[in-house]
Amino acid sequence: MNPEPCEIGALTEAQRSWLRYRDAFAAFAQTLAPDQVNAVKARLTQYRAKELDDMWGSIEEQLAS
């Protein structure tokens, strides 16, 4: 499946929004545990990567059926 340019643009904007969320959450976490900011960002990024992978798998399954 080759995404259309408008779909790529929508995904890019969604990712930019997610990065803003991640950075805002990390800034909040820094007030609680300053030495854990990088770990928080890494964990959130791992969750996001899995979320995207799961979504892509669901899309592929729907297209195959």
PDB file of N, CA and C in Angstrom:
ATOM      1  N   MET A   1       0.845  -1.181   0.000  1.00  0.00           N
ATOM      2  CA  MET A   1       0.000   0.000   0.000  1.00  0.00           C
ATOM      3  C   MET A   1       0.886   1.239   0.000  1.00  0.00           C
ATOM      4  N   ASN A   2       0.660   2.114  -0.941  1.00  0.00           N
ATOM      5  CA  ASN A   2       1.394   3.373  -1.010  1.00  0.00           C
ATOM      6  C   ASN A   2       0.483   4.500  -0.554  1.00  0.00           C
ATOM      7  N   PRO A   3       0.834   5.173   0.534  1.00  0.00           N
ATOM      8  CA  PRO A   3      -0.024   6.256   1.024  1.00  0.00           C
ATOM      9  C   PRO A   3      -0.016   7.451   0.082  1.00  0.00           C
ATOM     10  N   GLU A   4      -1.144   8.123   0.052  1.00  0.00           N
ATOM     11  CA  GLU A   4      -1.276   9.353  -0.721  1.00  0.00           C
ATOM     12  C   GLU A   4      -0.536  10.481   0.005  1.00  0.00           C
ATOM     13  N   PRO A   5      -0.097  11.513  -0.738  1.00  0.00           N
ATOM     14  CA  PRO A   5       0.588  12.640  -0.087  1.00  0.00           C
ATOM     15  C   PRO A   5      -0.216  13.274   1.043  1.00  0.00           C
ATOM     16  N   CYS A   6      -1.550  13.354   0.890  1.00  0.00           N
ATOM     17  CA  CYS A   6      -2.356  13.962   1.952  1.00  0.00           C
ATOM     18  C   CYS A   6      -2.337  13.097   3.209  1.00  0.00           C
ATOM     19  N   GLU A   7      -2.259  11.758   3.042  1.00  0.00           N
ATOM     20  CA  GLU A   7      -2.179  10.865   4.196  1.00  0.00           C
ATOM     21  C   GLU A   7      -0.837  11.024   4.903  1.00  0.00           C
ATOM     22  N   ILE A   8       0.212  11.169   4.131  1.00  0.00           N
ATOM     23  CA  ILE A   8       1.536  11.364   4.715  1.00  0.00           C
ATOM     24  C   ILE A   8       1.567  12.674   5.490  1.00  0.00           C
ATOM     25  N   GLY A   9       0.965  13.714   4.928  1.00  0.00           N
ATOM     26  CA  GLY A   9       0.902  15.003   5.614  1.00  0.00           C
ATOM     27  C   GLY A   9       0.142  14.908   6.922  1.00  0.00           C
ATOM     28  N   ALA A  10      -0.960  14.157   6.917  1.00  0.00           N
ATOM     29  CA  ALA A  10      -1.756  13.992   8.136  1.00  0.00           C
ATOM     30  C   ALA A  10      -0.962  13.229   9.190  1.00  0.00           C
ATOM     31  N   LEU A  11      -0.258  12.192   8.775  1.00  0.00           N
ATOM     32  CA  LEU A  11       0.557  11.429   9.723  1.00  0.00           C
ATOM     33  C   LEU A  11       1.699  12.282  10.264  1.00  0.00           C
ATOM     34  N   THR A  12       2.318  13.067   9.398  1.00  0.00           N
ATOM     35  CA  THR A  12       3.401  13.947   9.834  1.00  0.00           C
ATOM     36  C   THR A  12       2.904  14.939  10.877  1.00  0.00           C
ATOM     37  N   GLU A  13       1.737  15.525  10.644  1.00  0.00           N
ATOM     38  CA  GLU A  13       1.184  16.482  11.609  1.00  0.00           C
ATOM     39  C   GLU A  13       0.811  15.785  12.913  1.00  0.00           C
ATOM     40  N   ALA A  14       0.274  14.582  12.814  1.00  0.00           N
ATOM     41  CA  ALA A  14      -0.056  13.823  14.026  1.00  0.00           C
ATOM     42  C   ALA A  14       1.206  13.540  14.835  1.00  0.00           C
ATOM     43  N   GLN A  15       2.272  13.192  14.162  1.00  0.00           N
ATOM     44  CA  GLN A  15       3.532  12.925  14.861  1.00  0.00           C
ATOM     45  C   GLN A  15       4.095  14.191  15.503  1.00  0.00           C
ATOM     46  N   ARG A  16       3.995  15.293  14.806  1.00  0.00           N
ATOM     47  CA  ARG A  16       4.463  16.559  15.384  1.00  0.00           C
ATOM     48  C   ARG A  16       3.663  16.904  16.640  1.00  0.00           C
ATOM     49  N   SER A  17       2.367  16.666  16.580  1.00  0.00           N
ATOM     50  CA  SER A  17       1.523  16.902  17.761  1.00  0.00           C
ATOM     51  C   SER A  17       1.914  15.968  18.891  1.00  0.00           C
ATOM     52  N   TRP A  18       2.172  14.717  18.551  1.00  0.00           N
ATOM     53  CA  TRP A  18       2.576  13.756  19.571  1.00  0.00           C
ATOM     54  C   TRP A  18       3.912  14.170  20.208  1.00  0.00           C
ATOM     55  N   LEU A  19       4.844  14.646  19.406  1.00  0.00           N
ATOM     56  CA  LEU A  19       6.133  15.098  19.952  1.00  0.00           C
ATOM     57  C   LEU A  19       5.945  16.267  20.915  1.00  0.00           C
ATOM     58  N   ARG A  20       5.028  17.169  20.595  1.00  0.00           N
ATOM     59  CA  ARG A  20       4.735  18.272  21.520  1.00  0.00           C
ATOM     60  C   ARG A  20       4.168  17.727  22.831  1.00  0.00           C
ATOM     61  N   TYR A  21       3.269  16.748  22.726  1.00  0.00           N
ATOM     62  CA  TYR A  21       2.725  16.107  23.927  1.00  0.00           C
ATOM     63  C   TYR A  21       3.848  15.462  24.741  1.00  0.00           C
ATOM     64  N   ARG A  22       4.713  14.682  24.055  1.00  0.00           N
ATOM     65  CA  ARG A  22       5.808  13.997  24.743  1.00  0.00           C
ATOM     66  C   ARG A  22       6.698  14.991  25.475  1.00  0.00           C
ATOM     67  N   ASP A  23       7.047  16.070  24.808  1.00  0.00           N
ATOM     68  CA  ASP A  23       7.927  17.060  25.418  1.00  0.00           C
ATOM     69  C   ASP A  23       7.252  17.777  26.584  1.00  0.00           C
ATOM     70  N   ALA A  24       5.956  18.054  26.450  1.00  0.00           N
ATOM     71  CA  ALA A  24       5.222  18.691  27.552  1.00  0.00           C
ATOM     72  C   ALA A  24       5.129  17.754  28.749  1.00  0.00           C
ATOM     73  N   PHE A  25       4.870  16.486  28.490  1.00  0.00           N
ATOM     74  CA  PHE A  25       4.793  15.521  29.583  1.00  0.00           C
ATOM     75  C   PHE A  25       6.154  15.360  30.250  1.00  0.00           C
ATOM     76  N   ALA A  26       7.214  15.331  29.453  1.00  0.00           N
ATOM     77  CA  ALA A  26       8.562  15.218  30.005  1.00  0.00           C
ATOM     78  C   ALA A  26       8.901  16.442  30.851  1.00  0.00           C
ATOM     79  N   ALA A  27       8.459  17.618  30.431  1.00  0.00           N
ATOM     80  CA  ALA A  27       8.695  18.834  31.223  1.00  0.00           C
ATOM     81  C   ALA A  27       7.985  18.728  32.567  1.00  0.00           C
ATOM     82  N   PHE A  28       6.765  18.194  32.566  1.00  0.00           N
ATOM     83  CA  PHE A  28       6.052  17.962  33.821  1.00  0.00           C
ATOM     84  C   PHE A  28       6.804  16.941  34.675  1.00  0.00           C
ATOM     85  N   ALA A  29       7.222  15.840  34.068  1.00  0.00           N
ATOM     86  CA  ALA A  29       7.939  14.793  34.805  1.00  0.00           C
ATOM     87  C   ALA A  29       9.224  15.337  35.411  1.00  0.00           C
ATOM     88  N   GLN A  30       9.840  16.279  34.731  1.00  0.00           N
ATOM     89  CA  GLN A  30      11.085  16.862  35.228  1.00  0.00           C
ATOM     90  C   GLN A  30      10.862  17.577  36.553  1.00  0.00           C
ATOM     91  N   THR A  31       9.668  18.111  36.771  1.00  0.00           N
ATOM     92  CA  THR A  31       9.391  18.777  38.047  1.00  0.00           C
ATOM     93  C   THR A  31       9.321  17.772  39.190  1.00  0.00           C
ATOM     94  N   LEU A  32       9.009  16.528  38.866  1.00  0.00           N
ATOM     95  CA  LEU A  32       8.905  15.482  39.882  1.00  0.00           C
ATOM     96  C   LEU A  32      10.204  14.708  40.062  1.00  0.00           C
ATOM     97  N   ALA A  33      10.886  14.438  38.947  1.00  0.00           N
ATOM     98  CA  ALA A  33      12.109  13.634  38.986  1.00  0.00           C
ATOM     99  C   ALA A  33      13.061  14.130  37.901  1.00  0.00           C
ATOM    100  N   PRO A  34      13.805  15.194  38.192  1.00  0.00           N
ATOM    101  CA  PRO A  34      14.659  15.811  37.172  1.00  0.00           C
ATOM    102  C   PRO A  34      15.652  14.855  36.504  1.00  0.00           C
ATOM    103  N   ASP A  35      16.105  13.860  37.231  1.00  0.00           N
ATOM    104  CA  ASP A  35      17.102  12.948  36.668  1.00  0.00           C
ATOM    105  C   ASP A  35      16.492  11.862  35.775  1.00  0.00           C
ATOM    106  N   GLN A  36      15.179  11.856  35.629  1.00  0.00           N
ATOM    107  CA  GLN A  36      14.510  10.805  34.856  1.00  0.00           C
ATOM    108  C   GLN A  36      13.908  11.282  33.532  1.00  0.00           C
ATOM    109  N   VAL A  37      14.189  12.510  33.142  1.00  0.00           N
ATOM    110  CA  VAL A  37      13.556  13.072  31.943  1.00  0.00           C
ATOM    111  C   VAL A  37      13.859  12.244  30.701  1.00  0.00           C
ATOM    112  N   ASN A  38      15.095  11.880  30.490  1.00  0.00           N
ATOM    113  CA  ASN A  38      15.438  11.099  29.299  1.00  0.00           C
ATOM    114  C   ASN A  38      14.775   9.730  29.327  1.00  0.00           C
ATOM    115  N   ALA A  39      14.688   9.129  30.499  1.00  0.00           N
ATOM    116  CA  ALA A  39      14.021   7.830  30.619  1.00  0.00           C
ATOM    117  C   ALA A  39      12.533   7.956  30.307  1.00  0.00           C
ATOM    118  N   VAL A  40      11.919   9.038  30.760  1.00  0.00           N
ATOM    119  CA  VAL A  40      10.498   9.271  30.476  1.00  0.00           C
ATOM    120  C   VAL A  40      10.288   9.428  28.972  1.00  0.00           C
ATOM    121  N   LYS A  41      11.121  10.231  28.331  1.00  0.00           N
ATOM    122  CA  LYS A  41      10.994  10.416  26.884  1.00  0.00           C
ATOM    123  C   LYS A  41      11.198   9.098  26.143  1.00  0.00           C
ATOM    124  N   ALA A  42      12.174   8.324  26.576  1.00  0.00           N
ATOM    125  CA  ALA A  42      12.434   7.038  25.928  1.00  0.00           C
ATOM    126  C   ALA A  42      11.245   6.097  26.082  1.00  0.00           C
ATOM    127  N   ARG A  43      10.682   6.035  27.281  1.00  0.00           N
ATOM    128  CA  ARG A  43       9.541   5.145  27.518  1.00  0.00           C
ATOM    129  C   ARG A  43       8.333   5.580  26.692  1.00  0.00           C
ATOM    130  N   LEU A  44       8.048   6.873  26.674  1.00  0.00           N
ATOM    131  CA  LEU A  44       6.925   7.362  25.871  1.00  0.00           C
ATOM    132  C   LEU A  44       7.133   7.064  24.386  1.00  0.00           C
ATOM    133  N   THR A  45       8.367   7.197  23.931  1.00  0.00           N
ATOM    134  CA  THR A  45       8.674   6.923  22.529  1.00  0.00           C
ATOM    135  C   THR A  45       8.496   5.441  22.219  1.00  0.00           C
ATOM    136  N   GLN A  46       8.889   4.577  23.143  1.00  0.00           N
ATOM    137  CA  GLN A  46       8.664   3.136  22.957  1.00  0.00           C
ATOM    138  C   GLN A  46       7.174   2.835  22.849  1.00  0.00           C
ATOM    139  N   TYR A  47       6.383   3.434  23.726  1.00  0.00           N
ATOM    140  CA  TYR A  47       4.931   3.238  23.678  1.00  0.00           C
ATOM    141  C   TYR A  47       4.362   3.711  22.340  1.00  0.00           C
ATOM    142  N   ARG A  48       4.826   4.854  21.882  1.00  0.00           N
ATOM    143  CA  ARG A  48       4.323   5.405  20.619  1.00  0.00           C
ATOM    144  C   ARG A  48       4.701   4.506  19.450  1.00  0.00           C
ATOM    145  N   ALA A  49       5.929   4.013  19.438  1.00  0.00           N
ATOM    146  CA  ALA A  49       6.363   3.129  18.359  1.00  0.00           C
ATOM    147  C   ALA A  49       5.492   1.875  18.314  1.00  0.00           C
ATOM    148  N   LYS A  50       5.189   1.312  19.477  1.00  0.00           N
ATOM    149  CA  LYS A  50       4.328   0.129  19.527  1.00  0.00           C
ATOM    150  C   LYS A  50       2.923   0.479  19.063  1.00  0.00           C
ATOM    151  N   GLU A  51       2.426   1.623  19.485  1.00  0.00           N
ATOM    152  CA  GLU A  51       1.095   2.058  19.073  1.00  0.00           C
ATOM    153  C   GLU A  51       1.007   2.173  17.549  1.00  0.00           C
ATOM    154  N   LEU A  52       2.005   2.798  16.935  1.00  0.00           N
ATOM    155  CA  LEU A  52       2.014   2.942  15.483  1.00  0.00           C
ATOM    156  C   LEU A  52       2.129   1.587  14.798  1.00  0.00           C
ATOM    157  N   ASP A  53       2.962   0.709  15.337  1.00  0.00           N
ATOM    158  CA  ASP A  53       3.125  -0.627  14.777  1.00  0.00           C
ATOM    159  C   ASP A  53       1.809  -1.404  14.850  1.00  0.00           C
ATOM    160  N   ASP A  54       1.133  -1.321  15.985  1.00  0.00           N
ATOM    161  CA  ASP A  54      -0.160  -1.998  16.142  1.00  0.00           C
ATOM    162  C   ASP A  54      -1.194  -1.440  15.166  1.00  0.00           C
ATOM    163  N   MET A  55      -1.226  -0.117  15.020  1.00  0.00           N
ATOM    164  CA  MET A  55      -2.172   0.494  14.084  1.00  0.00           C
ATOM    165  C   MET A  55      -1.890   0.038  12.658  1.00  0.00           C
ATOM    166  N   TRP A  56      -0.622   0.019  12.281  1.00  0.00           N
ATOM    167  CA  TRP A  56      -0.259  -0.391  10.928  1.00  0.00           C
ATOM    168  C   TRP A  56      -0.650  -1.848  10.700  1.00  0.00           C
ATOM    169  N   GLY A  57      -0.442  -2.703  11.711  1.00  0.00           N
ATOM    170  CA  GLY A  57      -0.843  -4.101  11.593  1.00  0.00           C
ATOM    171  C   GLY A  57      -2.341  -4.239  11.392  1.00  0.00           C
ATOM    172  N   SER A  58      -3.123  -3.446  12.108  1.00  0.00           N
ATOM    173  CA  SER A  58      -4.581  -3.479  11.960  1.00  0.00           C
ATOM    174  C   SER A  58      -4.997  -3.042  10.562  1.00  0.00           C
ATOM    175  N   ILE A  59      -4.343  -2.022  10.047  1.00  0.00           N
ATOM    176  CA  ILE A  59      -4.656  -1.537   8.696  1.00  0.00           C
ATOM    177  C   ILE A  59      -4.342  -2.620   7.671  1.00  0.00           C
ATOM    178  N   GLU A  60      -3.181  -3.264   7.817  1.00  0.00           N
ATOM    179  CA  GLU A  60      -2.806  -4.324   6.879  1.00  0.00           C
ATOM    180  C   GLU A  60      -3.796  -5.482   6.933  1.00  0.00           C
ATOM    181  N   GLU A  61      -4.241  -5.846   8.139  1.00  0.00           N
ATOM    182  CA  GLU A  61      -5.218  -6.928   8.281  1.00  0.00           C
ATOM    183  C   GLU A  61      -6.527  -6.572   7.586  1.00  0.00           C
ATOM    184  N   GLN A  62      -6.977  -5.341   7.757  1.00  0.00           N
ATOM    185  CA  GLN A  62      -8.228  -4.918   7.123  1.00  0.00           C
ATOM    186  C   GLN A  62      -8.108  -4.927   5.602  1.00  0.00           C
ATOM    187  N   LEU A  63      -6.957  -4.527   5.100  1.00  0.00           N
ATOM    188  CA  LEU A  63      -6.764  -4.508   3.654  1.00  0.00           C
ATOM    189  C   LEU A  63      -6.687  -5.919   3.077  1.00  0.00           C
ATOM    190  N   ALA A  64      -6.161  -6.850   3.859  1.00  0.00           N
ATOM    191  CA  ALA A  64      -6.011  -8.222   3.388  1.00  0.00           C
ATOM    192  C   ALA A  64      -7.341  -8.972   3.357  1.00  0.00           C
ATOM    193  N   SER A  65      -8.297  -8.529   4.158  1.00  0.00           N
ATOM    194  CA  SER A  65      -9.576  -9.266   4.217  1.00  0.00           C
ATOM    195  C   SER A  65     -10.604  -8.748   3.239  1.00  0.00           C
TER     196      SER A  65
END
